[in-house]
Amino acid sequence: MKNIEKVLTVLVCSAMTLSVFGCSDKKSGSGRSSSGDKAAEEVEDADETKNKKDDEETEKATEAEVFTGYTDRNIKALAESYEAAGLTVIPVLSSELGAGDYNYVEGFRMYSEGSEDAYMGFLKFKSAEDAANFVQDVWIADCKGYIWHEVRDTYEFSIDELYFGGIDHSGMIQYGPWDGDPYENTATIDDFEDPQIIELYKEYLNKGFSIESEITYDGFTAYGINEERAHIFVVCTKYPSKDAALEFLKTSYGSMSMMTEEYTENADGSVSFVFDCDPQYIRTVPIEGTVYEDGLVIMQYPA
């Protein structure tokens, strides 16, 4: 289990309902009986009844979330084995996760004493689909950026400033704290000669991408987040000609037996392309891009 620098703990939320009681506005000395007082009393009674009902429902919800032991065989075995090894094991309840609508079963976090920031967690859902829906709807929904891969009903994910992990066929999520992006910006404007490449370099640098210059041709690979918050790679390369660019692509990608290739001639003389395959062979697909008349190629694929 890997140590990290960032501390990220799952917050435990306890629900409480505050009772708010209305007050009737009576004028002293007023000799009127008052239909207004009666109405106010009725409103107050209705509020008290509602608050009492809310309190009862909150108590029931709280009681339902009291941990009484593990029931899932795999979760129970894992928790007991880590406790026997001297690790701290903390149950993770549905209310903590916000997993009430996703068929969550149970789970826990575990860590070594003094290394709470290097925890590992296990969360069991009824199915892999339930677990995947939870991660996408709850963890990914409001994140800054993410990586998501699906391979034959199993999933892998990395969610910026939150978690990384995977989901197996049984619906088990194994996760730990996010460990940061592995890429840094190493390119400088002096690495490039072609004016188009220089402008594209500035564009992606301004978008916050990490950029590394190409070795063989004038160009670069940029790593960052697209408009949908998904992490992507963008490759911008200037070849000697359009034909040279197409030849390179066909040799590099078209020669792979598992890869399908599709080329589309555009009205402006450029050629759009898509390379794809079963993600069990190459997970970072599809690879999509355009070859321009002057030999410029811009393509991108998921991280």
Protein backbone atom coordinates (compact mmCIF):
# COMPACT_ATOMS: atom_id res chain seq x y z
CA MET A 1 0.00 0.00 0.00
CA LYS A 2 1.48 3.27 -1.12
CA ASN A 3 1.99 6.34 1.08
CA ILE A 4 0.81 9.68 -0.20
CA GLU A 5 1.09 13.29 0.92
CA LYS A 6 -2.57 14.33 0.76
CA VAL A 7 -5.02 13.58 3.56
CA LEU A 8 -8.48 12.70 2.35
CA THR A 9 -10.97 11.14 4.72
CA VAL A 10 -14.52 10.06 4.10
CA LEU A 11 -16.75 12.42 6.04
CA VAL A 12 -19.25 10.98 8.46
CA CYS A 13 -22.54 12.84 8.21
CA SER A 14 -25.13 12.68 10.99
CA ALA A 15 -28.61 13.87 10.18
CA MET A 16 -30.41 16.08 12.68
CA THR A 17 -33.71 17.85 12.33
CA LEU A 18 -34.26 21.14 14.15
CA SER A 19 -37.78 21.85 15.34
CA VAL A 20 -39.02 25.31 14.51
CA PHE A 21 -42.08 26.46 16.38
CA GLY A 22 -44.27 29.32 15.20
CA CYS A 23 -45.55 32.07 17.51
CA SER A 24 -48.98 33.62 17.34
CA ASP A 25 -48.91 37.41 17.19
CA LYS A 26 -51.44 38.41 19.86
CA LYS A 27 -52.09 42.01 20.78
CA SER A 28 -52.38 42.49 24.54
CA GLY A 29 -55.67 44.00 25.62
CA SER A 30 -57.38 43.05 22.43
CA GLY A 31 -60.81 41.75 23.27
CA ARG A 32 -61.13 39.89 19.96
CA SER A 33 -61.24 36.14 20.02
CA SER A 34 -59.62 35.56 17.36
CA SER A 35 -59.92 33.54 14.39
CA GLY A 36 -56.31 34.76 13.72
CA ASP A 37 -55.11 33.23 17.01
CA LYS A 38 -56.89 30.01 16.19
CA ALA A 39 -55.35 29.87 12.76
CA ALA A 40 -51.92 30.50 14.24
CA GLU A 41 -52.44 27.70 16.75
CA GLU A 42 -53.43 25.35 13.95
CA VAL A 43 -50.31 26.25 12.00
CA GLU A 44 -48.22 25.71 15.14
CA ASP A 45 -49.85 22.33 15.76
CA ALA A 46 -49.24 21.35 12.14
CA ASP A 47 -45.57 22.40 12.44
CA GLU A 48 -45.15 20.41 15.65
CA THR A 49 -46.74 17.34 14.05
CA LYS A 50 -44.47 17.66 11.01
CA ASN A 51 -41.36 18.17 13.14
CA LYS A 52 -42.27 15.17 15.28
CA LYS A 53 -42.68 13.06 12.15
CA ASP A 54 -39.37 14.32 10.78
CA ASP A 55 -37.66 13.51 14.09
CA GLU A 56 -39.06 9.99 14.03
CA GLU A 57 -37.92 9.45 10.45
CA THR A 58 -34.46 10.79 11.30
CA GLU A 59 -34.22 8.45 14.29
CA LYS A 60 -35.20 5.50 12.10
CA ALA A 61 -32.63 6.45 9.48
CA THR A 62 -29.97 6.85 12.15
CA GLU A 63 -30.86 3.51 13.71
CA ALA A 64 -30.69 1.85 10.29
CA GLU A 65 -27.13 3.13 9.85
CA VAL A 66 -25.77 1.77 13.13
CA PHE A 67 -22.98 -0.71 12.36
CA THR A 68 -23.75 -4.14 13.80
CA GLY A 69 -21.19 -6.26 11.97
CA TYR A 70 -20.33 -7.33 8.45
CA THR A 71 -22.73 -9.61 6.60
CA ASP A 72 -21.01 -10.00 3.22
CA ARG A 73 -18.65 -12.98 3.33
CA ASN A 74 -15.84 -11.35 1.35
CA ILE A 75 -16.00 -8.03 3.17
CA LYS A 76 -16.07 -9.83 6.53
CA ALA A 77 -13.05 -11.98 5.63
CA LEU A 78 -11.07 -8.99 4.38
CA ALA A 79 -11.89 -6.86 7.44
CA GLU A 80 -10.96 -9.66 9.84
CA SER A 81 -7.69 -10.40 8.03
CA TYR A 82 -6.60 -6.75 8.16
CA GLU A 83 -7.58 -6.42 11.81
CA ALA A 84 -5.61 -9.59 12.59
CA ALA A 85 -2.61 -8.00 10.86
CA GLY A 86 -2.82 -5.06 13.29
CA LEU A 87 -4.40 -2.52 10.93
CA THR A 88 -7.19 -0.13 11.90
CA VAL A 89 -10.46 -1.03 10.16
CA ILE A 90 -13.29 1.53 9.98
CA PRO A 91 -16.75 0.55 8.63
CA VAL A 92 -18.06 2.78 5.83
CA LEU A 93 -21.83 3.32 5.98
CA SER A 94 -24.17 4.13 3.12
CA SER A 95 -24.99 7.58 4.50
CA GLU A 96 -21.29 8.52 4.48
CA LEU A 97 -20.98 7.65 0.80
CA GLY A 98 -24.32 8.93 -0.43
CA ALA A 99 -24.84 5.44 -1.85
CA GLY A 100 -28.43 4.88 -0.73
CA ASP A 101 -29.74 4.70 -4.30
CA TYR A 102 -27.08 2.35 -5.64
CA ASN A 103 -27.64 -1.01 -3.90
CA TYR A 104 -24.68 -0.55 -1.56
CA VAL A 105 -24.09 -3.54 0.71
CA GLU A 106 -21.26 -2.58 3.10
CA GLY A 107 -17.57 -1.78 3.25
CA PHE A 108 -14.63 -0.42 5.21
CA ARG A 109 -11.45 1.64 5.18
CA MET A 110 -8.21 0.33 6.66
CA TYR A 111 -4.82 1.86 7.43
CA SER A 112 -1.75 1.48 9.61
CA GLU A 113 -1.69 3.43 12.84
CA GLY A 114 -0.12 6.81 12.16
CA SER A 115 -0.59 6.47 8.38
CA GLU A 116 -4.24 7.42 8.01
CA ASP A 117 -3.47 9.24 4.77
CA ALA A 118 -2.35 5.99 3.16
CA TYR A 119 -5.64 4.15 3.59
CA MET A 120 -7.21 1.56 1.32
CA GLY A 121 -10.96 0.99 1.10
CA PHE A 122 -13.29 -1.81 0.02
CA LEU A 123 -16.94 -1.14 -0.84
CA LYS A 124 -19.35 -3.91 -1.86
CA PHE A 125 -22.33 -3.24 -4.13
CA LYS A 126 -24.84 -5.79 -5.42
CA SER A 127 -23.36 -5.66 -8.92
CA ALA A 128 -20.52 -4.13 -10.90
CA GLU A 129 -23.08 -1.97 -12.69
CA ASP A 130 -24.36 -0.58 -9.36
CA ALA A 131 -20.80 0.23 -8.31
CA ALA A 132 -20.00 1.85 -11.66
CA ASN A 133 -23.15 3.98 -11.53
CA PHE A 134 -22.26 5.11 -8.02
CA VAL A 135 -18.72 6.15 -8.98
CA GLN A 136 -19.92 8.03 -12.06
CA ASP A 137 -22.95 9.68 -10.45
CA VAL A 138 -21.49 10.54 -7.04
CA TRP A 139 -17.68 10.64 -7.11
CA ILE A 140 -17.16 11.79 -10.70
CA ALA A 141 -20.20 14.08 -10.93
CA ASP A 142 -18.57 17.22 -9.49
CA CYS A 143 -14.87 16.43 -9.83
CA LYS A 144 -12.29 18.55 -11.64
CA GLY A 145 -11.17 15.74 -13.93
CA TYR A 146 -11.19 11.96 -14.21
CA ILE A 147 -9.96 8.86 -16.04
CA TRP A 148 -12.42 6.02 -16.65
CA HIS A 149 -11.83 2.68 -18.37
CA GLU A 150 -14.20 -0.25 -18.86
CA VAL A 151 -12.94 -3.69 -19.83
CA ARG A 152 -15.48 -6.51 -19.97
CA ASP A 153 -17.62 -5.44 -17.02
CA THR A 154 -14.66 -4.38 -14.89
CA TYR A 155 -13.70 -0.75 -14.42
CA GLU A 156 -10.70 1.38 -13.52
CA PHE A 157 -10.85 5.01 -12.46
CA SER A 158 -8.78 7.94 -11.24
CA ILE A 159 -10.61 11.00 -9.94
CA ASP A 160 -8.71 14.24 -9.41
CA GLU A 161 -8.10 15.13 -5.76
CA LEU A 162 -10.33 12.27 -4.61
CA TYR A 163 -9.71 8.56 -5.32
CA PHE A 164 -8.20 6.03 -7.67
CA GLY A 165 -9.21 2.38 -7.86
CA GLY A 166 -11.14 -0.31 -9.66
CA ILE A 167 -14.35 -2.32 -9.71
CA ASP A 168 -14.40 -6.10 -10.19
CA HIS A 169 -17.11 -8.39 -11.60
CA SER A 170 -18.68 -8.94 -8.16
CA GLY A 171 -19.38 -5.25 -7.53
CA MET A 172 -16.45 -4.71 -5.18
CA ILE A 173 -14.75 -1.29 -5.33
CA GLN A 174 -11.16 -1.19 -4.12
CA TYR A 175 -9.95 2.40 -3.79
CA GLY A 176 -7.33 4.65 -2.26
CA PRO A 177 -6.50 8.37 -2.18
CA TRP A 178 -5.69 10.06 -5.50
CA ASP A 179 -1.94 10.26 -6.00
CA GLY A 180 -1.67 13.11 -8.50
CA ASP A 181 -1.01 13.42 -12.23
CA PRO A 182 2.11 11.64 -13.46
CA TYR A 183 2.92 14.23 -16.15
CA GLU A 184 4.79 17.53 -15.95
CA ASN A 185 5.33 20.32 -18.44
CA THR A 186 8.86 19.80 -19.80
CA ALA A 187 8.66 21.59 -23.19
CA THR A 188 9.60 25.20 -23.94
CA ILE A 189 8.78 27.36 -26.93
CA ASP A 190 12.39 27.02 -28.10
CA ASP A 191 11.78 23.32 -28.76
CA PHE A 192 9.67 24.12 -31.85
CA GLU A 193 10.30 25.66 -35.26
CA ASP A 194 7.02 25.50 -37.21
CA PRO A 195 4.75 28.54 -36.60
CA GLN A 196 1.62 26.33 -36.41
CA ILE A 197 3.20 24.07 -33.82
CA ILE A 198 4.30 27.10 -31.81
CA GLU A 199 0.75 28.51 -31.82
CA LEU A 200 -0.71 25.14 -30.83
CA TYR A 201 1.86 24.84 -28.06
CA LYS A 202 0.78 28.22 -26.68
CA GLU A 203 -2.89 27.24 -26.97
CA TYR A 204 -2.57 24.03 -24.97
CA LEU A 205 -0.19 25.60 -22.48
CA ASN A 206 -2.83 28.26 -21.79
CA LYS A 207 -5.39 25.49 -21.26
CA GLY A 208 -3.23 24.09 -18.49
CA PHE A 209 -1.94 21.02 -20.34
CA SER A 210 1.41 19.45 -19.49
CA ILE A 211 3.51 19.38 -22.69
CA GLU A 212 6.42 17.25 -23.80
CA SER A 213 8.16 17.86 -27.12
CA GLU A 214 8.45 15.18 -29.81
CA ILE A 215 11.86 13.74 -30.66
CA THR A 216 11.53 12.67 -34.31
CA TYR A 217 9.38 15.46 -35.78
CA ASP A 218 8.54 19.05 -34.91
CA GLY A 219 5.65 18.73 -32.46
CA PHE A 220 4.53 17.75 -28.98
CA THR A 221 2.28 15.60 -26.81
CA ALA A 222 0.00 17.47 -24.41
CA TYR A 223 -1.72 15.93 -21.38
CA GLY A 224 -4.74 17.59 -19.82
CA ILE A 225 -8.51 17.77 -19.38
CA ASN A 226 -11.11 18.29 -22.12
CA GLU A 227 -14.46 20.08 -21.97
CA GLU A 228 -16.13 16.99 -20.46
CA ARG A 229 -13.48 16.85 -17.67
CA ALA A 230 -11.97 13.65 -19.07
CA HIS A 231 -8.17 13.36 -19.11
CA ILE A 232 -6.80 13.16 -22.64
CA PHE A 233 -3.62 13.19 -24.69
CA VAL A 234 -3.35 15.55 -27.67
CA VAL A 235 -0.56 14.98 -30.21
CA CYS A 236 0.33 17.81 -32.62
CA THR A 237 3.02 16.96 -35.20
CA LYS A 238 4.26 18.60 -38.40
CA TYR A 239 5.33 16.10 -41.08
CA PRO A 240 7.14 16.99 -44.32
CA SER A 241 3.90 16.45 -46.29
CA LYS A 242 0.35 15.14 -46.10
CA ASP A 243 1.43 11.86 -47.75
CA ALA A 244 4.29 11.43 -45.26
CA ALA A 245 1.85 11.94 -42.39
CA LEU A 246 -0.64 9.39 -43.76
CA GLU A 247 2.14 6.89 -44.37
CA PHE A 248 3.34 7.25 -40.79
CA LEU A 249 -0.16 6.73 -39.39
CA LYS A 250 -0.88 3.70 -41.55
CA THR A 251 2.44 2.14 -40.64
CA SER A 252 2.14 2.88 -36.92
CA TYR A 253 -1.54 2.07 -36.33
CA GLY A 254 -2.94 0.41 -39.43
CA SER A 255 -0.44 -2.42 -39.19
CA MET A 256 -1.86 -3.58 -35.83
CA SER A 257 -4.04 -6.62 -36.42
CA MET A 258 -6.43 -5.82 -33.57
CA MET A 259 -6.88 -2.19 -34.69
CA THR A 260 -9.59 -0.98 -37.07
CA GLU A 261 -8.88 2.12 -39.16
CA GLU A 262 -11.21 4.57 -40.86
CA TYR A 263 -10.23 7.49 -43.10
CA THR A 264 -12.56 10.22 -44.36
CA GLU A 265 -11.66 12.70 -47.12
CA ASN A 266 -12.88 16.21 -46.25
CA ALA A 267 -13.88 19.00 -48.64
CA ASP A 268 -10.89 21.16 -47.67
CA GLY A 269 -8.44 18.41 -48.64
CA SER A 270 -7.77 17.23 -45.08
CA VAL A 271 -8.29 13.62 -43.98
CA SER A 272 -10.03 12.66 -40.74
CA PHE A 273 -9.17 9.31 -39.17
CA VAL A 274 -10.25 7.01 -36.35
CA PHE A 275 -8.29 4.04 -34.99
CA ASP A 276 -10.13 1.77 -32.60
CA CYS A 277 -10.03 -1.71 -31.08
CA ASP A 278 -11.30 -3.80 -28.17
CA PRO A 279 -10.10 -1.97 -25.02
CA GLN A 280 -8.81 -5.26 -23.61
CA TYR A 281 -5.89 -4.81 -26.03
CA ILE A 282 -5.42 -1.06 -25.95
CA ARG A 283 -7.36 0.92 -23.35
CA THR A 284 -6.54 4.38 -24.65
CA VAL A 285 -8.88 4.23 -27.64
CA PRO A 286 -10.38 5.55 -29.82
CA ILE A 287 -7.56 7.55 -31.40
CA GLU A 288 -9.10 10.34 -33.48
CA GLY A 289 -7.62 13.15 -35.52
CA THR A 290 -7.03 15.00 -38.77
CA VAL A 291 -4.22 15.14 -41.33
CA TYR A 292 -4.05 18.56 -42.99
CA GLU A 293 -2.85 19.46 -46.49
CA ASP A 294 0.45 20.90 -45.24
CA GLY A 295 1.36 17.77 -43.21
CA LEU A 296 0.09 18.96 -39.83
CA VAL A 297 -1.52 16.19 -37.77
CA ILE A 298 -3.62 16.80 -34.66
CA MET A 299 -4.98 13.75 -32.86
CA GLN A 300 -6.23 12.89 -29.42
CA TYR A 301 -7.08 9.85 -27.30
CA PRO A 302 -8.23 9.17 -23.73
CA ALA A 303 -5.64 8.97 -20.96
